[in-house]
Amino acid sequence: MWSREMLKKNAWNSLKGYYWMAFLVCFVAQMLGGGTANTSSSFSFPSSSMTELTELSSEDPESIFAVLAILAMVFVIFIITYVFVMAFALAIYAFLGGPVEVGKCKFFQQARTGDVNFSYLFHQFGGGRYMNTVKVQFFRMLYTTLWSMLFWVPGIIKGLEYFLIPYLMAENPNMSKDRAFEISRKTMDGEKWNLFVLQLSFIGWVLLGIMACCIGTYFVVPYQQATFAEFYACMRAKMIAQGITTEQELTGCAAYVVE
C-alpha cells in the first residue's frame, strides 16, 4: 500500500542524483507543448456597442432584426474561431506535445533505475513509435477536452482516469488506443481521488514558486514528475497483480521498490 509521503520521499531521494537533467527535460517538454497546461477562452461583447444597439432598437423597433442579425453574426464568428483555435491546439499537441509528453514519462521511468538520458524525451519520434503515439495522445486530449466542456468537473475526472496512458505508451509504444484506455481506466478505479489529493499536495510548492516571480514553478516540476513516476510504478504493480495487464505487455519500467 502506497502513501503520498512514501512516494514523495522516494522521488526526492532519487531526484537528488539527476535534478538538473530532470529540470532540463521538463523545461524543454514544456516549451514543446508536452507539459501540463490549462487553456481557457473568453469572449465579451463591448458594453458600449451593446448600449448603442439597444438605443437603436428602442428608437426604431424595426431595427431589432438588424441587431439580432449582428449578434448572430458575432456569435457564429466566435464559434468558428473557437473551434479553429481548439483544432489547431489539438493538432499541435498530437503531433508534437503528445509524443514529447510520453518521452518525458519515459525519462522519469528510466531515471528511477539510474538510467538518466536526455534522449528519452524524444524516444517516441523514432523506431516506428511515432504515429501510434500521436493517435493515442490525440484521442486522450480530445476526450478530455470534450468532457471539460461539461462545467470542467467531468474533464478533471476523465483527466485522472486517463492519467496512466502516457506512461503505458512509454512502456509499450505499440499498444492500441482502446487497450491503453482500458488499462488506465481499470487501474485508476478507486485511485482517482488519491491521485487528485497527491496533485493538490504540491500546491504549497507551486505557490512558493509563483511568489518567486513565477519562475520558481519551473523548479518544482521535476519533483512533481518524479513523484508521478513513483505513482505510476505503484499502479503498474497493481495492474499486474489484479491481472489487468502482464509483464509481457509492459516491458519498459522497473518494478516498484519501497525504499
Protein backbone atom coordinates (compact mmCIF):
# COMPACT_ATOMS: atom_id res chain seq x y z
CA MET A 1 0.00 0.00 0.00
CA TRP A 2 1.42 3.37 -1.00
CA SER A 3 1.18 6.74 0.67
CA ARG A 4 1.87 10.29 -0.51
CA GLU A 5 4.70 10.64 1.95
CA MET A 6 6.36 7.47 0.68
CA LEU A 7 6.09 8.48 -2.98
CA LYS A 8 7.49 11.94 -2.31
CA LYS A 9 10.32 10.60 -0.19
CA ASN A 10 11.34 8.09 -2.86
CA ALA A 11 11.05 10.73 -5.58
CA TRP A 12 13.12 13.26 -3.61
CA ASN A 13 15.86 10.75 -2.78
CA SER A 14 16.05 9.62 -6.40
CA LEU A 15 15.88 13.11 -7.85
CA LYS A 16 18.94 14.32 -5.94
CA GLY A 17 21.17 12.46 -8.36
CA TYR A 18 19.77 13.89 -11.58
CA TYR A 19 17.85 17.05 -10.68
CA TRP A 20 19.36 19.40 -13.28
CA MET A 21 18.92 16.89 -16.08
CA ALA A 22 15.30 16.45 -14.98
CA PHE A 23 14.89 20.23 -14.90
CA LEU A 24 16.15 20.48 -18.48
CA VAL A 25 13.84 17.68 -19.65
CA CYS A 26 10.78 19.29 -18.03
CA PHE A 27 11.66 22.75 -19.35
CA VAL A 28 12.14 21.57 -22.94
CA ALA A 29 8.98 19.45 -22.74
CA GLN A 30 7.03 22.49 -21.51
CA MET A 31 8.34 24.61 -24.39
CA LEU A 32 7.34 21.92 -26.90
CA GLY A 33 3.83 21.53 -25.52
CA GLY A 34 4.48 18.33 -23.60
CA GLY A 35 3.91 19.81 -20.16
CA THR A 36 0.78 20.47 -18.18
CA ALA A 37 -1.19 23.43 -19.44
CA ASN A 38 -4.63 24.88 -18.91
CA THR A 39 -6.38 26.54 -21.81
CA SER A 40 -9.31 28.84 -21.39
CA SER A 41 -11.18 31.10 -23.72
CA SER A 42 -13.44 34.03 -23.04
CA PHE A 43 -15.47 36.41 -25.12
CA SER A 44 -17.37 39.53 -24.21
CA PHE A 45 -19.31 41.90 -26.41
CA PRO A 46 -18.20 45.53 -25.82
CA SER A 47 -20.65 47.19 -23.42
CA SER A 48 -20.60 50.46 -25.34
CA SER A 49 -21.58 48.68 -28.57
CA MET A 50 -24.36 46.83 -26.78
CA THR A 51 -25.70 50.11 -25.38
CA GLU A 52 -25.71 51.68 -28.84
CA LEU A 53 -27.54 48.69 -30.30
CA THR A 54 -30.14 48.82 -27.51
CA GLU A 55 -30.73 52.55 -28.05
CA LEU A 56 -31.02 51.96 -31.79
CA SER A 57 -33.67 49.29 -31.32
CA SER A 58 -35.69 51.48 -28.92
CA GLU A 59 -35.73 54.39 -31.35
CA ASP A 60 -36.66 52.20 -34.30
CA PRO A 61 -38.41 48.91 -33.39
CA GLU A 62 -37.77 47.53 -36.87
CA SER A 63 -34.05 47.77 -36.25
CA ILE A 64 -34.30 44.91 -33.72
CA PHE A 65 -33.90 42.49 -36.64
CA ALA A 66 -30.66 44.20 -37.62
CA VAL A 67 -29.46 43.98 -34.04
CA LEU A 68 -30.25 40.27 -33.86
CA ALA A 69 -28.54 39.68 -37.20
CA ILE A 70 -25.39 41.41 -35.95
CA LEU A 71 -25.40 39.44 -32.70
CA ALA A 72 -25.94 36.19 -34.58
CA MET A 73 -23.05 37.01 -36.91
CA VAL A 74 -20.75 37.82 -34.00
CA PHE A 75 -21.73 34.58 -32.25
CA VAL A 76 -21.08 32.49 -35.37
CA ILE A 77 -17.69 34.14 -35.88
CA PHE A 78 -16.81 33.46 -32.26
CA ILE A 79 -17.80 29.77 -32.51
CA ILE A 80 -15.85 29.29 -35.75
CA THR A 81 -12.79 30.99 -34.27
CA TYR A 82 -13.01 28.92 -31.09
CA VAL A 83 -13.33 25.65 -33.00
CA PHE A 84 -10.41 26.59 -35.25
CA VAL A 85 -8.17 27.51 -32.29
CA MET A 86 -9.07 24.30 -30.43
CA ALA A 87 -8.46 22.18 -33.54
CA PHE A 88 -5.10 23.85 -34.10
CA ALA A 89 -4.12 23.34 -30.45
CA LEU A 90 -5.14 19.67 -30.60
CA ALA A 91 -3.11 19.16 -33.78
CA ILE A 92 0.00 20.78 -32.27
CA TYR A 93 -0.37 18.68 -29.14
CA ALA A 94 -0.98 15.44 -31.05
CA PHE A 95 1.98 15.74 -33.43
CA LEU A 96 4.48 17.40 -31.08
CA GLY A 97 3.37 17.83 -27.48
CA GLY A 98 1.85 14.36 -27.13
CA PRO A 99 4.94 12.36 -28.14
CA VAL A 100 7.13 14.70 -26.07
CA GLU A 101 4.91 14.13 -23.02
CA VAL A 102 5.28 10.36 -23.45
CA GLY A 103 9.03 10.83 -23.82
CA LYS A 104 9.09 12.81 -20.58
CA CYS A 105 7.31 9.94 -18.83
CA LYS A 106 9.87 7.57 -20.34
CA PHE A 107 12.72 9.68 -18.94
CA PHE A 108 11.35 9.64 -15.40
CA GLN A 109 10.54 5.92 -15.59
CA GLN A 110 14.11 5.12 -16.53
CA ALA A 111 15.60 7.67 -14.15
CA ARG A 112 14.17 5.69 -11.23
CA THR A 113 16.69 2.96 -12.09
CA GLY A 114 19.60 5.36 -12.55
CA ASP A 115 19.32 5.37 -16.35
CA VAL A 116 19.36 9.15 -16.95
CA ASN A 117 19.40 10.04 -20.63
CA PHE A 118 18.04 13.27 -22.14
CA SER A 119 17.33 11.49 -25.46
CA TYR A 120 14.40 9.64 -23.84
CA LEU A 121 12.44 12.88 -24.23
CA PHE A 122 12.30 12.21 -27.99
CA HIS A 123 12.03 8.44 -27.71
CA GLN A 124 8.62 8.29 -29.40
CA PHE A 125 9.77 10.00 -32.59
CA GLY A 126 11.69 7.00 -33.92
CA GLY A 127 11.57 3.26 -34.32
CA GLY A 128 8.05 3.20 -35.76
CA ARG A 129 6.61 4.51 -32.47
CA TYR A 130 5.55 7.96 -33.62
CA MET A 131 2.20 7.59 -35.40
CA ASN A 132 0.62 5.27 -32.84
CA THR A 133 1.70 7.62 -30.06
CA VAL A 134 0.19 10.56 -31.97
CA LYS A 135 -3.09 8.67 -32.35
CA VAL A 136 -3.42 7.63 -28.71
CA GLN A 137 -2.39 11.02 -27.30
CA PHE A 138 -4.71 12.84 -29.69
CA PHE A 139 -7.75 10.90 -28.52
CA ARG A 140 -6.71 11.27 -24.90
CA MET A 141 -6.62 15.05 -25.25
CA LEU A 142 -9.77 15.13 -27.41
CA TYR A 143 -11.85 13.12 -24.95
CA THR A 144 -10.58 15.17 -22.01
CA THR A 145 -11.35 18.42 -23.82
CA LEU A 146 -14.86 17.34 -24.75
CA TRP A 147 -15.61 16.23 -21.20
CA SER A 148 -14.20 19.52 -19.90
CA MET A 149 -16.91 21.39 -21.78
CA LEU A 150 -19.37 19.99 -19.21
CA PHE A 151 -18.52 22.52 -16.47
CA TRP A 152 -14.91 21.28 -16.06
CA VAL A 153 -15.59 18.69 -13.33
CA PRO A 154 -16.16 15.78 -15.76
CA GLY A 155 -12.99 16.83 -17.58
CA ILE A 156 -11.00 16.71 -14.34
CA ILE A 157 -12.36 13.24 -13.58
CA LYS A 158 -11.51 11.97 -17.07
CA GLY A 159 -8.06 13.54 -16.87
CA LEU A 160 -7.42 11.50 -13.73
CA GLU A 161 -8.88 8.39 -15.36
CA TYR A 162 -6.58 8.75 -18.39
CA PHE A 163 -3.53 9.74 -16.32
CA LEU A 164 -1.64 6.49 -16.89
CA ILE A 165 -1.89 6.49 -20.69
CA PRO A 166 1.37 8.38 -21.44
CA TYR A 167 3.26 6.05 -19.09
CA LEU A 168 1.72 2.98 -20.73
CA MET A 169 2.71 4.28 -24.16
CA ALA A 170 6.23 4.96 -22.89
CA GLU A 171 6.50 1.29 -21.96
CA ASN A 172 4.72 -0.17 -24.97
CA PRO A 173 4.55 2.28 -27.90
CA ASN A 174 2.66 -0.30 -29.97
CA MET A 175 -0.25 -0.56 -27.53
CA SER A 176 -3.57 0.15 -29.22
CA LYS A 177 -5.70 3.12 -28.27
CA ASP A 178 -8.52 1.01 -26.88
CA ARG A 179 -6.14 -1.13 -24.82
CA ALA A 180 -4.33 1.87 -23.33
CA PHE A 181 -7.62 3.49 -22.32
CA GLU A 182 -8.90 0.20 -20.91
CA ILE A 183 -5.84 -0.41 -18.73
CA SER A 184 -5.75 3.16 -17.43
CA ARG A 185 -9.48 3.21 -16.71
CA LYS A 186 -9.49 -0.11 -14.82
CA THR A 187 -6.33 0.62 -12.87
CA MET A 188 -7.46 4.10 -11.82
CA ASP A 189 -10.76 2.73 -10.49
CA GLY A 190 -10.64 3.69 -6.82
CA GLU A 191 -7.44 5.70 -7.28
CA LYS A 192 -8.67 8.93 -8.87
CA TRP A 193 -9.29 10.71 -5.58
CA ASN A 194 -5.92 9.60 -4.22
CA LEU A 195 -4.19 10.97 -7.32
CA PHE A 196 -6.15 14.22 -7.09
CA VAL A 197 -5.04 14.71 -3.48
CA LEU A 198 -1.46 13.84 -4.47
CA GLN A 199 -1.55 16.54 -7.14
CA LEU A 200 -3.00 19.06 -4.69
CA SER A 201 -0.27 18.28 -2.17
CA PHE A 202 2.17 20.25 -4.35
CA ILE A 203 0.14 23.45 -4.09
CA GLY A 204 2.42 24.85 -1.38
CA TRP A 205 5.49 24.40 -3.58
CA VAL A 206 3.66 25.90 -6.55
CA LEU A 207 2.55 28.96 -4.56
CA LEU A 208 6.12 29.40 -3.35
CA GLY A 209 7.29 29.24 -6.96
CA ILE A 210 4.71 31.83 -8.01
CA MET A 211 5.94 34.16 -5.29
CA ALA A 212 9.38 33.92 -6.90
CA CYS A 213 8.13 35.85 -9.95
CA CYS A 214 6.50 32.61 -11.27
CA ILE A 215 9.93 31.40 -12.40
CA GLY A 216 10.15 29.24 -9.31
CA THR A 217 7.36 26.99 -10.56
CA TYR A 218 9.76 25.54 -13.15
CA PHE A 219 11.97 24.27 -10.34
CA VAL A 220 9.06 22.40 -8.75
CA VAL A 221 8.07 20.46 -11.88
CA PRO A 222 10.91 17.88 -11.73
CA TYR A 223 9.87 16.98 -8.16
CA GLN A 224 6.26 16.58 -9.29
CA GLN A 225 7.17 14.45 -12.28
CA ALA A 226 9.47 12.22 -10.24
CA THR A 227 6.65 11.70 -7.74
CA PHE A 228 4.17 10.87 -10.51
CA ALA A 229 6.64 8.32 -11.88
CA GLU A 230 6.63 6.72 -8.43
CA PHE A 231 2.84 6.75 -8.50
CA TYR A 232 2.83 5.01 -11.88
CA ALA A 233 5.20 2.37 -10.56
CA CYS A 234 2.68 1.62 -7.80
CA MET A 235 -0.17 1.50 -10.31
CA ARG A 236 1.92 -0.77 -12.52
CA ALA A 237 2.29 -3.22 -9.66
CA LYS A 238 -1.45 -3.02 -9.05
CA MET A 239 -2.45 -3.63 -12.67
CA ILE A 240 -0.21 -6.68 -12.88
CA ALA A 241 -1.34 -8.05 -9.51
CA GLN A 242 -5.01 -7.71 -10.49
CA GLY A 243 -4.48 -9.27 -13.92
CA ILE A 244 -5.35 -6.08 -15.81
CA THR A 245 -2.15 -6.49 -17.81
CA THR A 246 1.01 -8.61 -17.79
CA GLU A 247 4.77 -8.12 -17.63
CA GLN A 248 4.91 -9.21 -21.27
CA GLU A 249 2.64 -6.34 -22.30
CA LEU A 250 4.65 -3.85 -20.25
CA THR A 251 8.32 -4.07 -20.98
CA GLY A 252 9.99 -0.78 -20.14
CA CYS A 253 9.68 0.11 -16.46
CA ALA A 254 11.44 -1.27 -13.41
CA ALA A 255 9.30 -2.90 -10.75
CA TYR A 256 8.32 -0.70 -7.82
CA VAL A 257 10.70 -0.86 -4.88
CA VAL A 258 9.88 0.59 -1.48
CA GLU A 259 12.87 2.42 -0.07
